[in-house]
Amino acid sequence: DIFYEAANASGSTVDYVHGFISNTANYSAT
């Protein structure tokens, strides 16, 4: 829900989102 809210905030739309990334700078197993 909050990802969607941010993607539509400050003049943005979901069309400006190409994707998402997980585990940045972390250690969780793939």
Full PDB file with SEQRES, HELIX, SHEET, SSBOND, CRYST1, ORIGX, SCALE, CONECT and MASTER records, all heavy atoms in Angstrom:
SEQRES   1 A   30  ASP ILE PHE TYR GLU ALA ALA ASN ALA SER GLY SER THR          
SEQRES   2 A   30  VAL ASP TYR VAL HIS GLY PHE ILE SER ASN THR ALA ASN          
SEQRES   3 A   30  TYR SER ALA THR                                              
HELIX    1 AA1 ILE A    2  ALA A    7  1                                   6    
HELIX    2 AA2 VAL A   14  TYR A   16  5                                   3    
CRYST1    1.000    1.000    1.000  90.00  90.00  90.00 P 1           1          
ORIGX1      1.000000  0.000000  0.000000        0.00000                         
ORIGX2      0.000000  1.000000  0.000000        0.00000                         
ORIGX3      0.000000  0.000000  1.000000        0.00000                         
SCALE1      1.000000  0.000000  0.000000        0.00000                         
SCALE2      0.000000  1.000000  0.000000        0.00000                         
SCALE3      0.000000  0.000000  1.000000        0.00000                         
ATOM      1  N   ASP A   1       0.822  -1.214   0.000  1.00  0.00           N  
ATOM      2  CA  ASP A   1       0.000   0.000   0.000  1.00  0.00           C  
ATOM      3  C   ASP A   1       0.855   1.262   0.000  1.00  0.00           C  
ATOM      4  O   ASP A   1       0.573   2.222  -0.726  1.00  0.00           O  
ATOM      5  CB  ASP A   1      -0.924   0.010   1.221  1.00  0.00           C  
ATOM      6  CG  ASP A   1      -2.005  -1.070   1.145  1.00  0.00           C  
ATOM      7  OD1 ASP A   1      -2.244  -1.601   0.049  1.00  0.00           O  
ATOM      8  OD2 ASP A   1      -2.601  -1.379   2.204  1.00  0.00           O  
ATOM      9  N   ILE A   2       1.907   1.273   0.821  1.00  0.00           N  
ATOM     10  CA  ILE A   2       2.711   2.495   0.925  1.00  0.00           C  
ATOM     11  C   ILE A   2       3.614   2.670  -0.297  1.00  0.00           C  
ATOM     12  O   ILE A   2       3.908   3.796  -0.702  1.00  0.00           O  
ATOM     13  CB  ILE A   2       3.501   2.537   2.251  1.00  0.00           C  
ATOM     14  CG1 ILE A   2       3.730   3.995   2.666  1.00  0.00           C  
ATOM     15  CG2 ILE A   2       4.810   1.777   2.176  1.00  0.00           C  
ATOM     16  CD1 ILE A   2       3.910   4.193   4.132  1.00  0.00           C  
ATOM     17  N   PHE A   3       4.032   1.556  -0.923  1.00  0.00           N  
ATOM     18  CA  PHE A   3       4.764   1.673  -2.187  1.00  0.00           C  
ATOM     19  C   PHE A   3       3.870   2.351  -3.238  1.00  0.00           C  
ATOM     20  O   PHE A   3       4.326   3.211  -4.003  1.00  0.00           O  
ATOM     21  CB  PHE A   3       5.193   0.297  -2.712  1.00  0.00           C  
ATOM     22  CG  PHE A   3       6.177  -0.424  -1.831  1.00  0.00           C  
ATOM     23  CD1 PHE A   3       6.188  -1.819  -1.774  1.00  0.00           C  
ATOM     24  CD2 PHE A   3       7.096   0.266  -1.052  1.00  0.00           C  
ATOM     25  CE1 PHE A   3       7.092  -2.495  -0.980  1.00  0.00           C  
ATOM     26  CE2 PHE A   3       8.006  -0.415  -0.244  1.00  0.00           C  
ATOM     27  CZ  PHE A   3       8.000  -1.791  -0.211  1.00  0.00           C  
ATOM     28  N   TYR A   4       2.620   1.943  -3.262  1.00  0.00           N  
ATOM     29  CA  TYR A   4       1.675   2.511  -4.233  1.00  0.00           C  
ATOM     30  C   TYR A   4       1.417   3.991  -3.943  1.00  0.00           C  
ATOM     31  O   TYR A   4       1.355   4.813  -4.859  1.00  0.00           O  
ATOM     32  CB  TYR A   4       0.371   1.717  -4.200  1.00  0.00           C  
ATOM     33  CG  TYR A   4      -0.595   2.078  -5.301  1.00  0.00           C  
ATOM     34  CD1 TYR A   4      -0.396   1.629  -6.602  1.00  0.00           C  
ATOM     35  CD2 TYR A   4      -1.711   2.863  -5.033  1.00  0.00           C  
ATOM     36  CE1 TYR A   4      -1.280   1.958  -7.619  1.00  0.00           C  
ATOM     37  CE2 TYR A   4      -2.606   3.207  -6.049  1.00  0.00           C  
ATOM     38  CZ  TYR A   4      -2.388   2.744  -7.339  1.00  0.00           C  
ATOM     39  OH  TYR A   4      -3.266   3.086  -8.340  1.00  0.00           O  
ATOM     40  N   GLU A   5       1.287   4.320  -2.656  1.00  0.00           N  
ATOM     41  CA  GLU A   5       1.079   5.716  -2.277  1.00  0.00           C  
ATOM     42  C   GLU A   5       2.251   6.583  -2.742  1.00  0.00           C  
ATOM     43  O   GLU A   5       2.060   7.664  -3.321  1.00  0.00           O  
ATOM     44  CB  GLU A   5       0.913   5.824  -0.760  1.00  0.00           C  
ATOM     45  CG  GLU A   5       0.677   7.233  -0.259  1.00  0.00           C  
ATOM     46  CD  GLU A   5       0.621   7.342   1.254  1.00  0.00           C  
ATOM     47  OE1 GLU A   5       0.669   6.296   1.945  1.00  0.00           O  
ATOM     48  OE2 GLU A   5       0.564   8.478   1.765  1.00  0.00           O  
ATOM     49  N   ALA A   6       3.484   6.112  -2.498  1.00  0.00           N  
ATOM     50  CA  ALA A   6       4.666   6.884  -2.878  1.00  0.00           C  
ATOM     51  C   ALA A   6       4.790   6.997  -4.397  1.00  0.00           C  
ATOM     52  O   ALA A   6       5.205   8.037  -4.922  1.00  0.00           O  
ATOM     53  CB  ALA A   6       5.921   6.247  -2.294  1.00  0.00           C  
ATOM     54  N   ALA A   7       4.419   5.928  -5.106  1.00  0.00           N  
ATOM     55  CA  ALA A   7       4.531   5.935  -6.568  1.00  0.00           C  
ATOM     56  C   ALA A   7       3.565   6.925  -7.206  1.00  0.00           C  
ATOM     57  O   ALA A   7       3.738   7.290  -8.380  1.00  0.00           O  
ATOM     58  CB  ALA A   7       4.276   4.538  -7.122  1.00  0.00           C  
ATOM     59  N   ASN A   8       2.572   7.365  -6.445  1.00  0.00           N  
ATOM     60  CA  ASN A   8       1.601   8.324  -6.957  1.00  0.00           C  
ATOM     61  C   ASN A   8       1.673   9.664  -6.235  1.00  0.00           C  
ATOM     62  O   ASN A   8       0.752  10.479  -6.338  1.00  0.00           O  
ATOM     63  CB  ASN A   8       0.188   7.739  -6.837  1.00  0.00           C  
ATOM     64  CG  ASN A   8      -0.048   6.600  -7.817  1.00  0.00           C  
ATOM     65  OD1 ASN A   8      -0.253   6.812  -9.004  1.00  0.00           O  
ATOM     66  ND2 ASN A   8       0.020   5.370  -7.313  1.00  0.00           N  
ATOM     67  N   ALA A   9       2.767   9.910  -5.524  1.00  0.00           N  
ATOM     68  CA  ALA A   9       2.940  11.159  -4.775  1.00  0.00           C  
ATOM     69  C   ALA A   9       3.773  12.156  -5.570  1.00  0.00           C  
ATOM     70  O   ALA A   9       4.534  11.785  -6.478  1.00  0.00           O  
ATOM     71  CB  ALA A   9       3.612  10.872  -3.429  1.00  0.00           C  
ATOM     72  N   SER A  10       3.646  13.408  -5.227  1.00  0.00           N  
ATOM     73  CA  SER A  10       4.491  14.485  -5.782  1.00  0.00           C  
ATOM     74  C   SER A  10       4.522  14.502  -7.309  1.00  0.00           C  
ATOM     75  O   SER A  10       5.558  14.761  -7.920  1.00  0.00           O  
ATOM     76  CB  SER A  10       5.920  14.371  -5.231  1.00  0.00           C  
ATOM     77  OG  SER A  10       5.922  14.521  -3.833  1.00  0.00           O  
ATOM     78  N   GLY A  11       3.402  14.187  -7.930  1.00  0.00           N  
ATOM     79  CA  GLY A  11       3.323  14.232  -9.386  1.00  0.00           C  
ATOM     80  C   GLY A  11       3.772  12.965 -10.084  1.00  0.00           C  
ATOM     81  O   GLY A  11       3.757  12.900 -11.317  1.00  0.00           O  
ATOM     82  N   SER A  12       4.175  11.958  -9.322  1.00  0.00           N  
ATOM     83  CA  SER A  12       4.598  10.695  -9.936  1.00  0.00           C  
ATOM     84  C   SER A  12       3.382   9.833 -10.270  1.00  0.00           C  
ATOM     85  O   SER A  12       2.271  10.078  -9.788  1.00  0.00           O  
ATOM     86  CB  SER A  12       5.523   9.928  -8.986  1.00  0.00           C  
ATOM     87  OG  SER A  12       5.924   8.690  -9.561  1.00  0.00           O  
ATOM     88  N   THR A  13       3.609   8.837 -11.094  1.00  0.00           N  
ATOM     89  CA  THR A  13       2.607   7.798 -11.356  1.00  0.00           C  
ATOM     90  C   THR A  13       3.328   6.460 -11.388  1.00  0.00           C  
ATOM     91  O   THR A  13       4.569   6.400 -11.433  1.00  0.00           O  
ATOM     92  CB  THR A  13       1.895   7.995 -12.713  1.00  0.00           C  
ATOM     93  OG1 THR A  13       2.787   7.599 -13.777  1.00  0.00           O  
ATOM     94  CG2 THR A  13       1.476   9.446 -12.926  1.00  0.00           C  
ATOM     95  N   VAL A  14       2.565   5.376 -11.414  1.00  0.00           N  
ATOM     96  CA  VAL A  14       3.180   4.039 -11.457  1.00  0.00           C  
ATOM     97  C   VAL A  14       3.971   3.835 -12.741  1.00  0.00           C  
ATOM     98  O   VAL A  14       4.833   2.947 -12.813  1.00  0.00           O  
ATOM     99  CB  VAL A  14       2.123   2.930 -11.299  1.00  0.00           C  
ATOM    100  CG1 VAL A  14       1.500   2.964  -9.916  1.00  0.00           C  
ATOM    101  CG2 VAL A  14       1.045   3.035 -12.377  1.00  0.00           C  
ATOM    102  N   ASP A  15       3.703   4.646 -13.760  1.00  0.00           N  
ATOM    103  CA  ASP A  15       4.450   4.502 -15.011  1.00  0.00           C  
ATOM    104  C   ASP A  15       5.921   4.854 -14.857  1.00  0.00           C  
ATOM    105  O   ASP A  15       6.743   4.505 -15.717  1.00  0.00           O  
ATOM    106  CB  ASP A  15       3.822   5.378 -16.101  1.00  0.00           C  
ATOM    107  CG  ASP A  15       2.476   4.852 -16.568  1.00  0.00           C  
ATOM    108  OD1 ASP A  15       2.232   3.640 -16.433  1.00  0.00           O  
ATOM    109  OD2 ASP A  15       1.669   5.661 -17.067  1.00  0.00           O  
ATOM    110  N   TYR A  16       6.257   5.563 -13.787  1.00  0.00           N  
ATOM    111  CA  TYR A  16       7.663   5.903 -13.537  1.00  0.00           C  
ATOM    112  C   TYR A  16       8.387   4.822 -12.734  1.00  0.00           C  
ATOM    113  O   TYR A  16       9.556   4.992 -12.389  1.00  0.00           O  
ATOM    114  CB  TYR A  16       7.755   7.239 -12.800  1.00  0.00           C  
ATOM    115  CG  TYR A  16       7.353   8.441 -13.628  1.00  0.00           C  
ATOM    116  CD1 TYR A  16       6.476   9.392 -13.118  1.00  0.00           C  
ATOM    117  CD2 TYR A  16       7.850   8.628 -14.914  1.00  0.00           C  
ATOM    118  CE1 TYR A  16       6.110  10.506 -13.869  1.00  0.00           C  
ATOM    119  CE2 TYR A  16       7.489   9.727 -15.672  1.00  0.00           C  
ATOM    120  CZ  TYR A  16       6.614  10.658 -15.151  1.00  0.00           C  
ATOM    121  OH  TYR A  16       6.254  11.753 -15.902  1.00  0.00           O  
ATOM    122  N   VAL A  17       7.706   3.746 -12.419  1.00  0.00           N  
ATOM    123  CA  VAL A  17       8.307   2.656 -11.633  1.00  0.00           C  
ATOM    124  C   VAL A  17       8.570   1.474 -12.555  1.00  0.00           C  
ATOM    125  O   VAL A  17       7.637   0.873 -13.085  1.00  0.00           O  
ATOM    126  CB  VAL A  17       7.391   2.231 -10.471  1.00  0.00           C  
ATOM    127  CG1 VAL A  17       8.033   1.093  -9.681  1.00  0.00           C  
ATOM    128  CG2 VAL A  17       7.089   3.420  -9.558  1.00  0.00           C  
ATOM    129  N   HIS A  18       9.836   1.157 -12.749  1.00  0.00           N  
ATOM    130  CA  HIS A  18      10.189   0.032 -13.623  1.00  0.00           C  
ATOM    131  C   HIS A  18      10.232  -1.285 -12.857  1.00  0.00           C  
ATOM    132  O   HIS A  18      10.133  -2.357 -13.444  1.00  0.00           O  
ATOM    133  CB  HIS A  18      11.536   0.291 -14.304  1.00  0.00           C  
ATOM    134  CG  HIS A  18      11.676  -0.404 -15.619  1.00  0.00           C  
ATOM    135  ND1 HIS A  18      11.087   0.052 -16.787  1.00  0.00           N  
ATOM    136  CD2 HIS A  18      12.312  -1.550 -15.951  1.00  0.00           C  
ATOM    137  CE1 HIS A  18      11.366  -0.768 -17.783  1.00  0.00           C  
ATOM    138  NE2 HIS A  18      12.104  -1.748 -17.305  1.00  0.00           N  
ATOM    139  N   GLY A  19      10.428  -1.182 -11.533  1.00  0.00           N  
ATOM    140  CA  GLY A  19      10.477  -2.402 -10.743  1.00  0.00           C  
ATOM    141  C   GLY A  19      10.849  -2.115  -9.305  1.00  0.00           C  
ATOM    142  O   GLY A  19      10.815  -0.967  -8.838  1.00  0.00           O  
ATOM    143  N   PHE A  20      11.219  -3.183  -8.602  1.00  0.00           N  
ATOM    144  CA  PHE A  20      11.562  -3.103  -7.184  1.00  0.00           C  
ATOM    145  C   PHE A  20      12.805  -3.955  -6.924  1.00  0.00           C  
ATOM    146  O   PHE A  20      13.115  -4.867  -7.679  1.00  0.00           O  
ATOM    147  CB  PHE A  20      10.403  -3.614  -6.321  1.00  0.00           C  
ATOM    148  CG  PHE A  20       9.208  -2.693  -6.303  1.00  0.00           C  
ATOM    149  CD1 PHE A  20       8.330  -2.661  -7.378  1.00  0.00           C  
ATOM    150  CD2 PHE A  20       8.976  -1.849  -5.234  1.00  0.00           C  
ATOM    151  CE1 PHE A  20       7.236  -1.806  -7.385  1.00  0.00           C  
ATOM    152  CE2 PHE A  20       7.884  -0.988  -5.226  1.00  0.00           C  
ATOM    153  CZ  PHE A  20       7.016  -0.971  -6.306  1.00  0.00           C  
ATOM    154  N   ILE A  21      13.494  -3.624  -5.845  1.00  0.00           N  
ATOM    155  CA  ILE A  21      14.680  -4.388  -5.459  1.00  0.00           C  
ATOM    156  C   ILE A  21      14.576  -4.822  -4.010  1.00  0.00           C  
ATOM    157  O   ILE A  21      14.112  -4.065  -3.157  1.00  0.00           O  
ATOM    158  CB  ILE A  21      15.976  -3.569  -5.682  1.00  0.00           C  
ATOM    159  CG1 ILE A  21      17.207  -4.399  -5.291  1.00  0.00           C  
ATOM    160  CG2 ILE A  21      15.949  -2.232  -4.934  1.00  0.00           C  
ATOM    161  CD1 ILE A  21      18.531  -3.805  -5.721  1.00  0.00           C  
ATOM    162  N   SER A  22      14.993  -6.058  -3.738  1.00  0.00           N  
ATOM    163  CA  SER A  22      15.003  -6.556  -2.358  1.00  0.00           C  
ATOM    164  C   SER A  22      16.424  -6.893  -1.926  1.00  0.00           C  
ATOM    165  O   SER A  22      17.326  -7.078  -2.748  1.00  0.00           O  
ATOM    166  CB  SER A  22      14.113  -7.798  -2.219  1.00  0.00           C  
ATOM    167  OG  SER A  22      14.792  -8.964  -2.635  1.00  0.00           O  
ATOM    168  N   ASN A  23      16.572  -6.949  -0.618  1.00  0.00           N  
ATOM    169  CA  ASN A  23      17.821  -7.408   0.014  1.00  0.00           C  
ATOM    170  C   ASN A  23      18.988  -6.462  -0.185  1.00  0.00           C  
ATOM    171  O   ASN A  23      20.145  -6.855  -0.036  1.00  0.00           O  
ATOM    172  CB  ASN A  23      18.193  -8.807  -0.508  1.00  0.00           C  
ATOM    173  CG  ASN A  23      19.049  -9.591   0.478  1.00  0.00           C  
ATOM    174  OD1 ASN A  23      18.758  -9.623   1.671  1.00  0.00           O  
ATOM    175  ND2 ASN A  23      20.107 -10.214  -0.011  1.00  0.00           N  
ATOM    176  N   THR A  24      18.720  -5.196  -0.493  1.00  0.00           N  
ATOM    177  CA  THR A  24      19.827  -4.268  -0.711  1.00  0.00           C  
ATOM    178  C   THR A  24      20.662  -4.134   0.552  1.00  0.00           C  
ATOM    179  O   THR A  24      20.139  -3.833   1.618  1.00  0.00           O  
ATOM    180  CB  THR A  24      19.307  -2.884  -1.131  1.00  0.00           C  
ATOM    181  OG1 THR A  24      18.422  -3.040  -2.244  1.00  0.00           O  
ATOM    182  CG2 THR A  24      20.453  -1.978  -1.525  1.00  0.00           C  
ATOM    183  N   ALA A  25      21.969  -4.348   0.398  1.00  0.00           N  
ATOM    184  CA  ALA A  25      22.913  -4.249   1.515  1.00  0.00           C  
ATOM    185  C   ALA A  25      22.551  -5.195   2.649  1.00  0.00           C  
ATOM    186  O   ALA A  25      22.901  -4.960   3.799  1.00  0.00           O  
ATOM    187  CB  ALA A  25      22.999  -2.809   2.032  1.00  0.00           C  
ATOM    188  N   ASN A  26      21.877  -6.306   2.308  1.00  0.00           N  
ATOM    189  CA  ASN A  26      21.498  -7.255   3.357  1.00  0.00           C  
ATOM    190  C   ASN A  26      22.031  -8.644   3.046  1.00  0.00           C  
ATOM    191  O   ASN A  26      22.747  -8.840   2.071  1.00  0.00           O  
ATOM    192  CB  ASN A  26      19.981  -7.240   3.563  1.00  0.00           C  
ATOM    193  CG  ASN A  26      19.617  -7.541   5.011  1.00  0.00           C  
ATOM    194  OD1 ASN A  26      19.536  -8.689   5.424  1.00  0.00           O  
ATOM    195  ND2 ASN A  26      19.405  -6.483   5.788  1.00  0.00           N  
ATOM    196  N   TYR A  27      21.651  -9.598   3.868  1.00  0.00           N  
ATOM    197  CA  TYR A  27      22.302 -10.905   3.866  1.00  0.00           C  
ATOM    198  C   TYR A  27      21.333 -12.070   3.685  1.00  0.00           C  
ATOM    199  O   TYR A  27      21.721 -13.225   3.781  1.00  0.00           O  
ATOM    200  CB  TYR A  27      23.057 -11.090   5.185  1.00  0.00           C  
ATOM    201  CG  TYR A  27      24.135 -10.067   5.430  1.00  0.00           C  
ATOM    202  CD1 TYR A  27      23.846  -8.829   6.004  1.00  0.00           C  
ATOM    203  CD2 TYR A  27      25.464 -10.317   5.072  1.00  0.00           C  
ATOM    204  CE1 TYR A  27      24.844  -7.879   6.223  1.00  0.00           C  
ATOM    205  CE2 TYR A  27      26.458  -9.382   5.289  1.00  0.00           C  
ATOM    206  CZ  TYR A  27      26.140  -8.157   5.866  1.00  0.00           C  
ATOM    207  OH  TYR A  27      27.128  -7.224   6.071  1.00  0.00           O  
ATOM    208  N   SER A  28      20.051 -11.784   3.434  1.00  0.00           N  
ATOM    209  CA  SER A  28      19.063 -12.860   3.297  1.00  0.00           C  
ATOM    210  C   SER A  28      19.380 -13.724   2.085  1.00  0.00           C  
ATOM    211  O   SER A  28      19.700 -13.215   1.011  1.00  0.00           O  
ATOM    212  CB  SER A  28      17.660 -12.268   3.155  1.00  0.00           C  
ATOM    213  OG  SER A  28      17.278 -11.562   4.323  1.00  0.00           O  
ATOM    214  N   ALA A  29      19.256 -15.029   2.245  1.00  0.00           N  
ATOM    215  CA  ALA A  29      19.579 -15.974   1.171  1.00  0.00           C  
ATOM    216  C   ALA A  29      18.626 -15.795  -0.003  1.00  0.00           C  
ATOM    217  O   ALA A  29      17.425 -15.576   0.179  1.00  0.00           O  
ATOM    218  CB  ALA A  29      19.496 -17.404   1.690  1.00  0.00           C  
ATOM    219  N   THR A  30      19.166 -15.895  -1.210  1.00  0.00           N  
ATOM    220  CA  THR A  30      18.324 -15.840  -2.399  1.00  0.00           C  
ATOM    221  C   THR A  30      17.370 -17.024  -2.418  1.00  0.00           C  
ATOM    222  O   THR A  30      16.166 -16.875  -2.628  1.00  0.00           O  
ATOM    223  CB  THR A  30      19.188 -15.835  -3.670  1.00  0.00           C  
ATOM    224  OG1 THR A  30      20.125 -14.760  -3.603  1.00  0.00           O  
ATOM    225  CG2 THR A  30      18.323 -15.679  -4.913  1.00  0.00           C  
TER     226      THR A  30                                                      
MASTER        0    0    0    2    0    0    0    6  225    1    0    3          
END                                                                             
